[in-house]
PDB file of N, CA and C in Angstrom:
ATOM      1  N   MET A   1       0.839  -1.174   0.000  1.00  0.00           N
ATOM      2  CA  MET A   1       0.000   0.000   0.000  1.00  0.00           C
ATOM      3  C   MET A   1       0.888   1.243   0.000  1.00  0.00           C
ATOM      4  N   LYS A   2       0.562   2.197  -0.840  1.00  0.00           N
ATOM      5  CA  LYS A   2       1.350   3.420  -0.933  1.00  0.00           C
ATOM      6  C   LYS A   2       0.995   4.355   0.218  1.00  0.00           C
ATOM      7  N   PRO A   3       2.020   4.983   0.826  1.00  0.00           N
ATOM      8  CA  PRO A   3       1.701   5.971   1.866  1.00  0.00           C
ATOM      9  C   PRO A   3       1.074   7.196   1.238  1.00  0.00           C
ATOM     10  N   LYS A   4       0.186   7.835   1.978  1.00  0.00           N
ATOM     11  CA  LYS A   4      -0.460   9.048   1.488  1.00  0.00           C
ATOM     12  C   LYS A   4       0.530  10.191   1.468  1.00  0.00           C
ATOM     13  N   ALA A   5       0.523  10.904   0.388  1.00  0.00           N
ATOM     14  CA  ALA A   5       1.334  12.116   0.288  1.00  0.00           C
ATOM     15  C   ALA A   5       0.404  13.303   0.473  1.00  0.00           C
ATOM     16  N   GLY A   6       0.836  14.303   1.117  1.00  0.00           N
ATOM     17  CA  GLY A   6       0.041  15.520   1.148  1.00  0.00           C
ATOM     18  C   GLY A   6      -0.601  15.842   2.467  1.00  0.00           C
ATOM     19  N   GLY A   7      -1.386  15.003   3.033  1.00  0.00           N
ATOM     20  CA  GLY A   7      -2.071  15.353   4.260  1.00  0.00           C
ATOM     21  C   GLY A   7      -3.565  15.301   4.058  1.00  0.00           C
ATOM     22  N   PHE A   8      -4.278  16.096   4.831  1.00  0.00           N
ATOM     23  CA  PHE A   8      -5.732  16.075   4.794  1.00  0.00           C
ATOM     24  C   PHE A   8      -6.251  16.313   3.380  1.00  0.00           C
ATOM     25  N   ILE A   9      -7.124  15.416   2.933  1.00  0.00           N
ATOM     26  CA  ILE A   9      -7.696  15.440   1.577  1.00  0.00           C
ATOM     27  C   ILE A   9      -6.595  15.644   0.552  1.00  0.00           C
ATOM     28  N   ASN A  10      -5.534  14.921   0.763  1.00  0.00           N
ATOM     29  CA  ASN A  10      -4.421  14.931  -0.185  1.00  0.00           C
ATOM     30  C   ASN A  10      -3.969  16.358  -0.498  1.00  0.00           C
ATOM     31  N   GLY A  11      -3.784  17.159   0.545  1.00  0.00           N
ATOM     32  CA  GLY A  11      -3.301  18.523   0.353  1.00  0.00           C
ATOM     33  C   GLY A  11      -4.314  19.402  -0.352  1.00  0.00           C
ATOM     34  N   MET A  12      -5.590  19.142  -0.150  1.00  0.00           N
ATOM     35  CA  MET A  12      -6.671  19.883  -0.797  1.00  0.00           C
ATOM     36  C   MET A  12      -6.626  19.740  -2.318  1.00  0.00           C
ATOM     37  N   ARG A  13      -6.139  18.646  -2.747  1.00  0.00           N
ATOM     38  CA  ARG A  13      -6.084  18.354  -4.176  1.00  0.00           C
ATOM     39  C   ARG A  13      -7.471  18.413  -4.813  1.00  0.00           C
ATOM     40  N   CYS A  14      -8.480  18.114  -4.035  1.00  0.00           N
ATOM     41  CA  CYS A  14      -9.848  18.098  -4.553  1.00  0.00           C
ATOM     42  C   CYS A  14     -10.450  19.489  -4.669  1.00  0.00           C
ATOM     43  N   ALA A  15      -9.681  20.515  -4.366  1.00  0.00           N
ATOM     44  CA  ALA A  15     -10.206  21.881  -4.406  1.00  0.00           C
ATOM     45  C   ALA A  15     -10.478  22.358  -5.826  1.00  0.00           C
ATOM     46  N   THR A  16      -9.950  21.667  -6.827  1.00  0.00           N
ATOM     47  CA  THR A  16     -10.192  22.032  -8.224  1.00  0.00           C
ATOM     48  C   THR A  16     -10.743  20.821  -8.972  1.00  0.00           C
ATOM     49  N   LEU A  17     -11.435  21.085 -10.063  1.00  0.00           N
ATOM     50  CA  LEU A  17     -11.935  19.983 -10.887  1.00  0.00           C
ATOM     51  C   LEU A  17     -10.784  19.122 -11.395  1.00  0.00           C
ATOM     52  N   GLU A  18      -9.728  19.742 -11.835  1.00  0.00           N
ATOM     53  CA  GLU A  18      -8.577  18.997 -12.355  1.00  0.00           C
ATOM     54  C   GLU A  18      -7.963  18.124 -11.268  1.00  0.00           C
ATOM     55  N   GLY A  19      -7.771  18.702 -10.101  1.00  0.00           N
ATOM     56  CA  GLY A  19      -7.186  17.944  -8.994  1.00  0.00           C
ATOM     57  C   GLY A  19      -8.074  16.796  -8.566  1.00  0.00           C
ATOM     58  N   GLY A  20      -9.365  17.073  -8.413  1.00  0.00           N
ATOM     59  CA  GLY A  20     -10.298  16.026  -8.025  1.00  0.00           C
ATOM     60  C   GLY A  20     -10.400  14.930  -9.066  1.00  0.00           C
ATOM     61  N   SER A  21     -10.371  15.325 -10.322  1.00  0.00           N
ATOM     62  CA  SER A  21     -10.444  14.355 -11.411  1.00  0.00           C
ATOM     63  C   SER A  21      -9.213  13.461 -11.446  1.00  0.00           C
ATOM     64  N   SER A  22      -8.054  14.046 -11.279  1.00  0.00           N
ATOM     65  CA  SER A  22      -6.832  13.232 -11.305  1.00  0.00           C
ATOM     66  C   SER A  22      -6.774  12.301 -10.090  1.00  0.00           C
ATOM     67  N   LEU A  23      -7.258  12.759  -8.938  1.00  0.00           N
ATOM     68  CA  LEU A  23      -7.305  11.897  -7.753  1.00  0.00           C
ATOM     69  C   LEU A  23      -8.291  10.752  -7.979  1.00  0.00           C
ATOM     70  N   TRP A  24      -9.450  11.067  -8.566  1.00  0.00           N
ATOM     71  CA  TRP A  24     -10.430  10.030  -8.904  1.00  0.00           C
ATOM     72  C   TRP A  24      -9.808   8.986  -9.833  1.00  0.00           C
ATOM     73  N   GLU A  25      -9.060   9.445 -10.844  1.00  0.00           N
ATOM     74  CA  GLU A  25      -8.408   8.509 -11.765  1.00  0.00           C
ATOM     75  C   GLU A  25      -7.473   7.565 -11.024  1.00  0.00           C
ATOM     76  N   GLU A  26      -6.706   8.106 -10.096  1.00  0.00           N
ATOM     77  CA  GLU A  26      -5.797   7.266  -9.311  1.00  0.00           C
ATOM     78  C   GLU A  26      -6.575   6.239  -8.498  1.00  0.00           C
ATOM     79  N   TYR A  27      -7.650   6.681  -7.859  1.00  0.00           N
ATOM     80  CA  TYR A  27      -8.451   5.769  -7.051  1.00  0.00           C
ATOM     81  C   TYR A  27      -9.076   4.673  -7.909  1.00  0.00           C
ATOM     82  N   VAL A  28      -9.616   5.048  -9.061  1.00  0.00           N
ATOM     83  CA  VAL A  28     -10.242   4.053  -9.937  1.00  0.00           C
ATOM     84  C   VAL A  28      -9.197   3.055 -10.434  1.00  0.00           C
ATOM     85  N   THR A  29      -8.043   3.546 -10.825  1.00  0.00           N
ATOM     86  CA  THR A  29      -6.972   2.670 -11.290  1.00  0.00           C
ATOM     87  C   THR A  29      -6.562   1.686 -10.201  1.00  0.00           C
ATOM     88  N   GLU A  30      -6.393   2.187  -8.991  1.00  0.00           N
ATOM     89  CA  GLU A  30      -6.010   1.333  -7.858  1.00  0.00           C
ATOM     90  C   GLU A  30      -7.114   0.335  -7.535  1.00  0.00           C
ATOM     91  N   ALA A  31      -8.357   0.794  -7.530  1.00  0.00           N
ATOM     92  CA  ALA A  31      -9.481  -0.100  -7.230  1.00  0.00           C
ATOM     93  C   ALA A  31      -9.591  -1.203  -8.275  1.00  0.00           C
ATOM     94  N   ARG A  32      -9.414  -0.856  -9.532  1.00  0.00           N
ATOM     95  CA  ARG A  32      -9.508  -1.874 -10.584  1.00  0.00           C
ATOM     96  C   ARG A  32      -8.372  -2.887 -10.487  1.00  0.00           C
ATOM     97  N   ALA A  33      -7.211  -2.458 -10.032  1.00  0.00           N
ATOM     98  CA  ALA A  33      -6.106  -3.394  -9.812  1.00  0.00           C
ATOM     99  C   ALA A  33      -6.500  -4.400  -8.727  1.00  0.00           C
ATOM    100  N   HIS A  34      -7.152  -3.925  -7.681  1.00  0.00           N
ATOM    101  CA  HIS A  34      -7.617  -4.825  -6.618  1.00  0.00           C
ATOM    102  C   HIS A  34      -8.685  -5.771  -7.137  1.00  0.00           C
ATOM    103  N   VAL A  35      -9.604  -5.262  -7.947  1.00  0.00           N
ATOM    104  CA  VAL A  35     -10.658  -6.098  -8.512  1.00  0.00           C
ATOM    105  C   VAL A  35     -10.039  -7.207  -9.369  1.00  0.00           C
ATOM    106  N   ARG A  36      -9.057  -6.842 -10.194  1.00  0.00           N
ATOM    107  CA  ARG A  36      -8.384  -7.864 -11.013  1.00  0.00           C
ATOM    108  C   ARG A  36      -7.705  -8.901 -10.132  1.00  0.00           C
ATOM    109  N   GLU A  37      -7.051  -8.461  -9.087  1.00  0.00           N
ATOM    110  CA  GLU A  37      -6.344  -9.373  -8.185  1.00  0.00           C
ATOM    111  C   GLU A  37      -7.316 -10.304  -7.462  1.00  0.00           C
ATOM    112  N   LEU A  38      -8.453  -9.779  -7.064  1.00  0.00           N
ATOM    113  CA  LEU A  38      -9.425 -10.569  -6.324  1.00  0.00           C
ATOM    114  C   LEU A  38     -10.288 -11.456  -7.218  1.00  0.00           C
ATOM    115  N   GLY A  39     -10.318 -11.142  -8.502  1.00  0.00           N
ATOM    116  CA  GLY A  39     -11.089 -11.956  -9.441  1.00  0.00           C
ATOM    117  C   GLY A  39     -12.560 -11.991  -9.093  1.00  0.00           C
ATOM    118  N   GLU A  40     -13.110 -13.207  -8.972  1.00  0.00           N
ATOM    119  CA  GLU A  40     -14.544 -13.322  -8.732  1.00  0.00           C
ATOM    120  C   GLU A  40     -14.938 -12.996  -7.284  1.00  0.00           C
ATOM    121  N   ARG A  41     -13.965 -12.670  -6.455  1.00  0.00           N
ATOM    122  CA  ARG A  41     -14.274 -12.248  -5.084  1.00  0.00           C
ATOM    123  C   ARG A  41     -14.506 -10.739  -4.996  1.00  0.00           C
ATOM    124  N   ALA A  42     -14.559 -10.065  -6.144  1.00  0.00           N
ATOM    125  CA  ALA A  42     -14.785  -8.616  -6.175  1.00  0.00           C
ATOM    126  C   ALA A  42     -15.793  -8.288  -7.264  1.00  0.00           C
ATOM    127  N   ILE A  43     -16.412  -7.141  -7.126  1.00  0.00           N
ATOM    128  CA  ILE A  43     -17.363  -6.680  -8.132  1.00  0.00           C
ATOM    129  C   ILE A  43     -17.174  -5.173  -8.303  1.00  0.00           C
ATOM    130  N   GLU A  44     -17.261  -4.729  -9.525  1.00  0.00           N
ATOM    131  CA  GLU A  44     -17.165  -3.298  -9.814  1.00  0.00           C
ATOM    132  C   GLU A  44     -18.547  -2.795 -10.202  1.00  0.00           C
ATOM    133  N   VAL A  45     -18.945  -1.687  -9.613  1.00  0.00           N
ATOM    134  CA  VAL A  45     -20.234  -1.083  -9.917  1.00  0.00           C
ATOM    135  C   VAL A  45     -20.000   0.376 -10.276  1.00  0.00           C
ATOM    136  N   ARG A  46     -20.370   0.733 -11.478  1.00  0.00           N
ATOM    137  CA  ARG A  46     -20.292   2.144 -11.869  1.00  0.00           C
ATOM    138  C   ARG A  46     -21.539   2.857 -11.354  1.00  0.00           C
ATOM    139  N   TYR A  47     -21.335   3.993 -10.759  1.00  0.00           N
ATOM    140  CA  TYR A  47     -22.419   4.791 -10.189  1.00  0.00           C
ATOM    141  C   TYR A  47     -23.515   5.034 -11.217  1.00  0.00           C
ATOM    142  N   GLU A  48     -23.137   5.440 -12.411  1.00  0.00           N
ATOM    143  CA  GLU A  48     -24.114   5.747 -13.446  1.00  0.00           C
ATOM    144  C   GLU A  48     -24.914   4.523 -13.839  1.00  0.00           C
ATOM    145  N   ASP A  49     -24.266   3.358 -13.895  1.00  0.00           N
ATOM    146  CA  ASP A  49     -24.975   2.127 -14.232  1.00  0.00           C
ATOM    147  C   ASP A  49     -26.014   1.798 -13.163  1.00  0.00           C
ATOM    148  N   LEU A  50     -25.657   2.018 -11.900  1.00  0.00           N
ATOM    149  CA  LEU A  50     -26.601   1.794 -10.808  1.00  0.00           C
ATOM    150  C   LEU A  50     -27.802   2.722 -10.945  1.00  0.00           C
ATOM    151  N   LEU A  51     -27.545   3.966 -11.313  1.00  0.00           N
ATOM    152  CA  LEU A  51     -28.647   4.921 -11.454  1.00  0.00           C
ATOM    153  C   LEU A  51     -29.536   4.614 -12.651  1.00  0.00           C
ATOM    154  N   VAL A  52     -28.939   4.177 -13.741  1.00  0.00           N
ATOM    155  CA  VAL A  52     -29.695   3.915 -14.961  1.00  0.00           C
ATOM    156  C   VAL A  52     -30.483   2.605 -14.863  1.00  0.00           C
ATOM    157  N   GLU A  53     -29.892   1.583 -14.264  1.00  0.00           N
ATOM    158  CA  GLU A  53     -30.527   0.269 -14.150  1.00  0.00           C
ATOM    159  C   GLU A  53     -30.487  -0.220 -12.697  1.00  0.00           C
ATOM    160  N   PRO A  54     -31.193   0.456 -11.810  1.00  0.00           N
ATOM    161  CA  PRO A  54     -31.052   0.110 -10.393  1.00  0.00           C
ATOM    162  C   PRO A  54     -31.447  -1.327 -10.049  1.00  0.00           C
ATOM    163  N   VAL A  55     -32.535  -1.825 -10.589  1.00  0.00           N
ATOM    164  CA  VAL A  55     -32.963  -3.183 -10.250  1.00  0.00           C
ATOM    165  C   VAL A  55     -31.906  -4.189 -10.682  1.00  0.00           C
ATOM    166  N   ARG A  56     -31.470  -4.075 -11.913  1.00  0.00           N
ATOM    167  CA  ARG A  56     -30.469  -5.024 -12.431  1.00  0.00           C
ATOM    168  C   ARG A  56     -29.174  -4.982 -11.618  1.00  0.00           C
ATOM    169  N   ARG A  57     -28.706  -3.787 -11.301  1.00  0.00           N
ATOM    170  CA  ARG A  57     -27.440  -3.654 -10.566  1.00  0.00           C
ATOM    171  C   ARG A  57     -27.573  -4.097  -9.121  1.00  0.00           C
ATOM    172  N   ILE A  58     -28.703  -3.777  -8.498  1.00  0.00           N
ATOM    173  CA  ILE A  58     -28.913  -4.214  -7.114  1.00  0.00           C
ATOM    174  C   ILE A  58     -29.038  -5.736  -7.062  1.00  0.00           C
ATOM    175  N   GLU A  59     -29.724  -6.319  -8.050  1.00  0.00           N
ATOM    176  CA  GLU A  59     -29.809  -7.783  -8.124  1.00  0.00           C
ATOM    177  C   GLU A  59     -28.416  -8.398  -8.200  1.00  0.00           C
ATOM    178  N   ALA A  60     -27.544  -7.813  -9.023  1.00  0.00           N
ATOM    179  CA  ALA A  60     -26.183  -8.332  -9.160  1.00  0.00           C
ATOM    180  C   ALA A  60     -25.428  -8.229  -7.842  1.00  0.00           C
ATOM    181  N   LEU A  61     -25.602  -7.114  -7.134  1.00  0.00           N
ATOM    182  CA  LEU A  61     -24.921  -6.937  -5.848  1.00  0.00           C
ATOM    183  C   LEU A  61     -25.435  -7.916  -4.800  1.00  0.00           C
ATOM    184  N   VAL A  62     -26.743  -8.097  -4.762  1.00  0.00           N
ATOM    185  CA  VAL A  62     -27.349  -9.023  -3.810  1.00  0.00           C
ATOM    186  C   VAL A  62     -26.850 -10.440  -4.084  1.00  0.00           C
ATOM    187  N   GLU A  63     -26.825 -10.805  -5.350  1.00  0.00           N
ATOM    188  CA  GLU A  63     -26.335 -12.140  -5.722  1.00  0.00           C
ATOM    189  C   GLU A  63     -24.860 -12.281  -5.358  1.00  0.00           C
ATOM    190  N   PHE A  64     -24.063 -11.271  -5.665  1.00  0.00           N
ATOM    191  CA  PHE A  64     -22.638 -11.300  -5.343  1.00  0.00           C
ATOM    192  C   PHE A  64     -22.415 -11.500  -3.844  1.00  0.00           C
ATOM    193  N   CYS A  65     -23.218 -10.820  -3.043  1.00  0.00           N
ATOM    194  CA  CYS A  65     -23.075 -10.892  -1.585  1.00  0.00           C
ATOM    195  C   CYS A  65     -23.735 -12.136  -0.982  1.00  0.00           C
ATOM    196  N   GLY A  66     -24.495 -12.857  -1.795  1.00  0.00           N
ATOM    197  CA  GLY A  66     -25.172 -14.049  -1.303  1.00  0.00           C
ATOM    198  C   GLY A  66     -26.303 -13.738  -0.348  1.00  0.00           C
ATOM    199  N   ILE A  67     -26.965 -12.624  -0.579  1.00  0.00           N
ATOM    200  CA  ILE A  67     -28.062 -12.194   0.293  1.00  0.00           C
ATOM    201  C   ILE A  67     -29.386 -12.540  -0.380  1.00  0.00           C
ATOM    202  N   PRO A  68     -30.241 -13.281   0.304  1.00  0.00           N
ATOM    203  CA  PRO A  68     -31.551 -13.556  -0.294  1.00  0.00           C
ATOM    204  C   PRO A  68     -32.406 -12.289  -0.280  1.00  0.00           C
ATOM    205  N   ALA A  69     -33.044 -12.019  -1.401  1.00  0.00           N
ATOM    206  CA  ALA A  69     -33.898 -10.832  -1.484  1.00  0.00           C
ATOM    207  C   ALA A  69     -35.053 -11.113  -2.432  1.00  0.00           C
ATOM    208  N   SER A  70     -36.228 -10.745  -2.000  1.00  0.00           N
ATOM    209  CA  SER A  70     -37.416 -10.929  -2.829  1.00  0.00           C
ATOM    210  C   SER A  70     -37.470  -9.841  -3.889  1.00  0.00           C
ATOM    211  N   ALA A  71     -38.285 -10.063  -4.896  1.00  0.00           N
ATOM    212  CA  ALA A  71     -38.481  -9.049  -5.932  1.00  0.00           C
ATOM    213  C   ALA A  71     -39.044  -7.774  -5.325  1.00  0.00           C
ATOM    214  N   ALA A  72     -39.912  -7.917  -4.328  1.00  0.00           N
ATOM    215  CA  ALA A  72     -40.494  -6.740  -3.677  1.00  0.00           C
ATOM    216  C   ALA A  72     -39.414  -5.931  -2.960  1.00  0.00           C
ATOM    217  N   LEU A  73     -38.506  -6.607  -2.282  1.00  0.00           N
ATOM    218  CA  LEU A  73     -37.425  -5.918  -1.570  1.00  0.00           C
ATOM    219  C   LEU A  73     -36.475  -5.238  -2.558  1.00  0.00           C
ATOM    220  N   LEU A  74     -36.168  -5.920  -3.651  1.00  0.00           N
ATOM    221  CA  LEU A  74     -35.327  -5.320  -4.688  1.00  0.00           C
ATOM    222  C   LEU A  74     -36.004  -4.077  -5.264  1.00  0.00           C
ATOM    223  N   GLY A  75     -37.309  -4.178  -5.486  1.00  0.00           N
ATOM    224  CA  GLY A  75     -38.062  -3.034  -6.003  1.00  0.00           C
ATOM    225  C   GLY A  75     -38.036  -1.855  -5.045  1.00  0.00           C
ATOM    226  N   LYS A  76     -38.156  -2.136  -3.744  1.00  0.00           N
ATOM    227  CA  LYS A  76     -38.097  -1.067  -2.745  1.00  0.00           C
ATOM    228  C   LYS A  76     -36.732  -0.387  -2.753  1.00  0.00           C
ATOM    229  N   ALA A  77     -35.688  -1.201  -2.817  1.00  0.00           N
ATOM    230  CA  ALA A  77     -34.327  -0.643  -2.845  1.00  0.00           C
ATOM    231  C   ALA A  77     -34.132   0.192  -4.106  1.00  0.00           C
ATOM    232  N   ALA A  78     -34.575  -0.316  -5.236  1.00  0.00           N
ATOM    233  CA  ALA A  78     -34.419   0.400  -6.503  1.00  0.00           C
ATOM    234  C   ALA A  78     -35.202   1.708  -6.508  1.00  0.00           C
ATOM    235  N   ALA A  79     -36.341   1.727  -5.817  1.00  0.00           N
ATOM    236  CA  ALA A  79     -37.158   2.940  -5.766  1.00  0.00           C
ATOM    237  C   ALA A  79     -36.456   4.076  -5.030  1.00  0.00           C
ATOM    238  N   LEU A  80     -35.489   3.747  -4.198  1.00  0.00           N
ATOM    239  CA  LEU A  80     -34.735   4.772  -3.464  1.00  0.00           C
ATOM    240  C   LEU A  80     -33.675   5.456  -4.324  1.00  0.00           C
ATOM    241  N   VAL A  81     -33.362   4.844  -5.453  1.00  0.00           N
ATOM    242  CA  VAL A  81     -32.326   5.370  -6.346  1.00  0.00           C
ATOM    243  C   VAL A  81     -32.887   6.556  -7.127  1.00  0.00           C
ATOM    244  N   ARG A  82     -32.146   7.625  -7.132  1.00  0.00           N
ATOM    245  CA  ARG A  82     -32.578   8.831  -7.848  1.00  0.00           C
ATOM    246  C   ARG A  82     -32.013   8.791  -9.274  1.00  0.00           C
ATOM    247  N   LYS A  83     -32.759   8.179 -10.170  1.00  0.00           N
ATOM    248  CA  LYS A  83     -32.315   7.987 -11.552  1.00  0.00           C
ATOM    249  C   LYS A  83     -31.923   9.285 -12.247  1.00  0.00           C
ATOM    250  N   GLU A  84     -32.563  10.376 -11.882  1.00  0.00           N
ATOM    251  CA  GLU A  84     -32.265  11.662 -12.533  1.00  0.00           C
ATOM    252  C   GLU A  84     -30.847  12.150 -12.240  1.00  0.00           C
ATOM    253  N   ARG A  85     -30.163  11.562 -11.280  1.00  0.00           N
ATOM    254  CA  ARG A  85     -28.791  11.962 -10.959  1.00  0.00           C
ATOM    255  C   ARG A  85     -27.782  11.396 -11.958  1.00  0.00           C
ATOM    256  N   ALA A  86     -28.197  10.419 -12.750  1.00  0.00           N
ATOM    257  CA  ALA A  86     -27.284   9.849 -13.754  1.00  0.00           C
ATOM    258  C   ALA A  86     -26.861  10.938 -14.725  1.00  0.00           C
ATOM    259  N   TYR A  87     -25.582  11.111 -14.863  1.00  0.00           N
ATOM    260  CA  TYR A  87     -24.992  12.086 -15.790  1.00  0.00           C
ATOM    261  C   TYR A  87     -25.491  13.510 -15.510  1.00  0.00           C
ATOM    262  N   ALA A  88     -25.750  13.820 -14.254  1.00  0.00           N
ATOM    263  CA  ALA A  88     -26.263  15.141 -13.878  1.00  0.00           C
ATOM    264  C   ALA A  88     -25.303  16.258 -14.267  1.00  0.00           C
ATOM    265  N   PHE A  89     -24.027  15.951 -14.372  1.00  0.00           N
ATOM    266  CA  PHE A  89     -23.048  16.985 -14.740  1.00  0.00           C
ATOM    267  C   PHE A  89     -23.364  17.605 -16.095  1.00  0.00           C
ATOM    268  N   ARG A  90     -24.068  16.867 -16.928  1.00  0.00           N
ATOM    269  CA  ARG A  90     -24.355  17.364 -18.276  1.00  0.00           C
ATOM    270  C   ARG A  90     -25.212  18.616 -18.283  1.00  0.00           C
ATOM    271  N   SER A  91     -25.938  18.860 -17.205  1.00  0.00           N
ATOM    272  CA  SER A  91     -26.776  20.064 -17.146  1.00  0.00           C
ATOM    273  C   SER A  91     -26.020  21.271 -16.594  1.00  0.00           C
ATOM    274  N   ASN A  92     -24.771  21.072 -16.218  1.00  0.00           N
ATOM    275  CA  ASN A  92     -23.944  22.163 -15.699  1.00  0.00           C
ATOM    276  C   ASN A  92     -22.902  22.519 -16.759  1.00  0.00           C
ATOM    277  N   PRO A  93     -22.966  23.712 -17.339  1.00  0.00           N
ATOM    278  CA  PRO A  93     -22.053  24.075 -18.420  1.00  0.00           C
ATOM    279  C   PRO A  93     -20.576  23.939 -18.050  1.00  0.00           C
ATOM    280  N   GLU A  94     -20.199  24.329 -16.836  1.00  0.00           N
ATOM    281  CA  GLU A  94     -18.797  24.229 -16.426  1.00  0.00           C
ATOM    282  C   GLU A  94     -18.341  22.768 -16.352  1.00  0.00           C
ATOM    283  N   LEU A  95     -19.172  21.917 -15.757  1.00  0.00           N
ATOM    284  CA  LEU A  95     -18.813  20.501 -15.651  1.00  0.00           C
ATOM    285  C   LEU A  95     -18.834  19.821 -17.013  1.00  0.00           C
ATOM    286  N   ASN A  96     -19.780  20.194 -17.838  1.00  0.00           N
ATOM    287  CA  ASN A  96     -19.864  19.630 -19.179  1.00  0.00           C
ATOM    288  C   ASN A  96     -18.627  19.998 -19.993  1.00  0.00           C
ATOM    289  N   SER A  97     -18.213  21.241 -19.885  1.00  0.00           N
ATOM    290  CA  SER A  97     -17.016  21.707 -20.579  1.00  0.00           C
ATOM    291  C   SER A  97     -15.782  20.962 -20.071  1.00  0.00           C
ATOM    292  N   PHE A  98     -15.693  20.803 -18.759  1.00  0.00           N
ATOM    293  CA  PHE A  98     -14.553  20.086 -18.185  1.00  0.00           C
ATOM    294  C   PHE A  98     -14.535  18.642 -18.678  1.00  0.00           C
ATOM    295  N   ALA A  99     -15.695  17.995 -18.686  1.00  0.00           N
ATOM    296  CA  ALA A  99     -15.767  16.611 -19.157  1.00  0.00           C
ATOM    297  C   ALA A  99     -15.287  16.492 -20.600  1.00  0.00           C
ATOM    298  N   ARG A 100     -15.645  17.459 -21.421  1.00  0.00           N
ATOM    299  CA  ARG A 100     -15.164  17.438 -22.816  1.00  0.00           C
ATOM    300  C   ARG A 100     -13.656  17.612 -22.868  1.00  0.00           C
ATOM    301  N   SER A 101     -13.104  18.452 -21.992  1.00  0.00           N
ATOM    302  CA  SER A 101     -11.662  18.713 -22.008  1.00  0.00           C
ATOM    303  C   SER A 101     -10.846  17.506 -21.545  1.00  0.00           C
ATOM    304  N   VAL A 102     -11.464  16.612 -20.779  1.00  0.00           N
ATOM    305  CA  VAL A 102     -10.755  15.420 -20.299  1.00  0.00           C
ATOM    306  C   VAL A 102     -11.390  14.143 -20.857  1.00  0.00           C
ATOM    307  N   ALA A 103     -12.035  14.273 -22.000  1.00  0.00           N
ATOM    308  CA  ALA A 103     -12.784  13.149 -22.585  1.00  0.00           C
ATOM    309  C   ALA A 103     -11.930  11.903 -22.765  1.00  0.00           C
ATOM    310  N   GLU A 104     -10.704  12.067 -23.223  1.00  0.00           N
ATOM    311  CA  GLU A 104      -9.837  10.894 -23.414  1.00  0.00           C
ATOM    312  C   GLU A 104      -9.555  10.196 -22.096  1.00  0.00           C
ATOM    313  N   ARG A 105      -9.311  10.977 -21.071  1.00  0.00           N
ATOM    314  CA  ARG A 105      -9.029  10.408 -19.753  1.00  0.00           C
ATOM    315  C   ARG A 105     -10.260   9.704 -19.194  1.00  0.00           C
ATOM    316  N   LEU A 106     -11.433  10.291 -19.401  1.00  0.00           N
ATOM    317  CA  LEU A 106     -12.662   9.659 -18.958  1.00  0.00           C
ATOM    318  C   LEU A 106     -12.899   8.353 -19.723  1.00  0.00           C
ATOM    319  N   GLN A 107     -12.672   8.401 -21.013  1.00  0.00           N
ATOM    320  CA  GLN A 107     -12.870   7.211 -21.837  1.00  0.00           C
ATOM    321  C   GLN A 107     -11.919   6.090 -21.421  1.00  0.00           C
ATOM    322  N   ALA A 108     -10.708   6.457 -21.037  1.00  0.00           N
ATOM    323  CA  ALA A 108      -9.736   5.453 -20.567  1.00  0.00           C
ATOM    324  C   ALA A 108     -10.233   4.746 -19.304  1.00  0.00           C
ATOM    325  N   GLN A 109     -11.125   5.412 -18.573  1.00  0.00           N
ATOM    326  CA  GLN A 109     -11.700   4.809 -17.362  1.00  0.00           C
ATOM    327  C   GLN A 109     -13.096   4.248 -17.620  1.00  0.00           C
ATOM    328  N   ASN A 110     -13.448   4.106 -18.902  1.00  0.00           N
ATOM    329  CA  ASN A 110     -14.750   3.560 -19.312  1.00  0.00           C
ATOM    330  C   ASN A 110     -15.919   4.476 -18.968  1.00  0.00           C
ATOM    331  N   TYR A 111     -15.686   5.789 -19.037  1.00  0.00           N
ATOM    332  CA  TYR A 111     -16.747   6.765 -18.807  1.00  0.00           C
ATOM    333  C   TYR A 111     -16.949   7.600 -20.030  1.00  0.00           C
TER     334      TYR A 111
END
């Protein structure tokens, strides 16, 4: 495990979109390395996928965890998901512009 450099919130690296984005990239890269290492003992869930298809994604998580859940319970859990939050950045001109400026980097992370 790499020691943290910087201090609280990585030296306030998250204070800018660029800093937060680059930190997110590092976290995603590290998390995916762990997922690859763990193989079928790990699962990756993209936030947007959960928002777009909550029932399907929650079913996958429940199955992965080995938790019995009825269709009614899955439906209740899915109803709590705010689908309108998927890709919400697109309605913000500054965030939309930033996403376009880092499109290659986002695409490299499957976004």
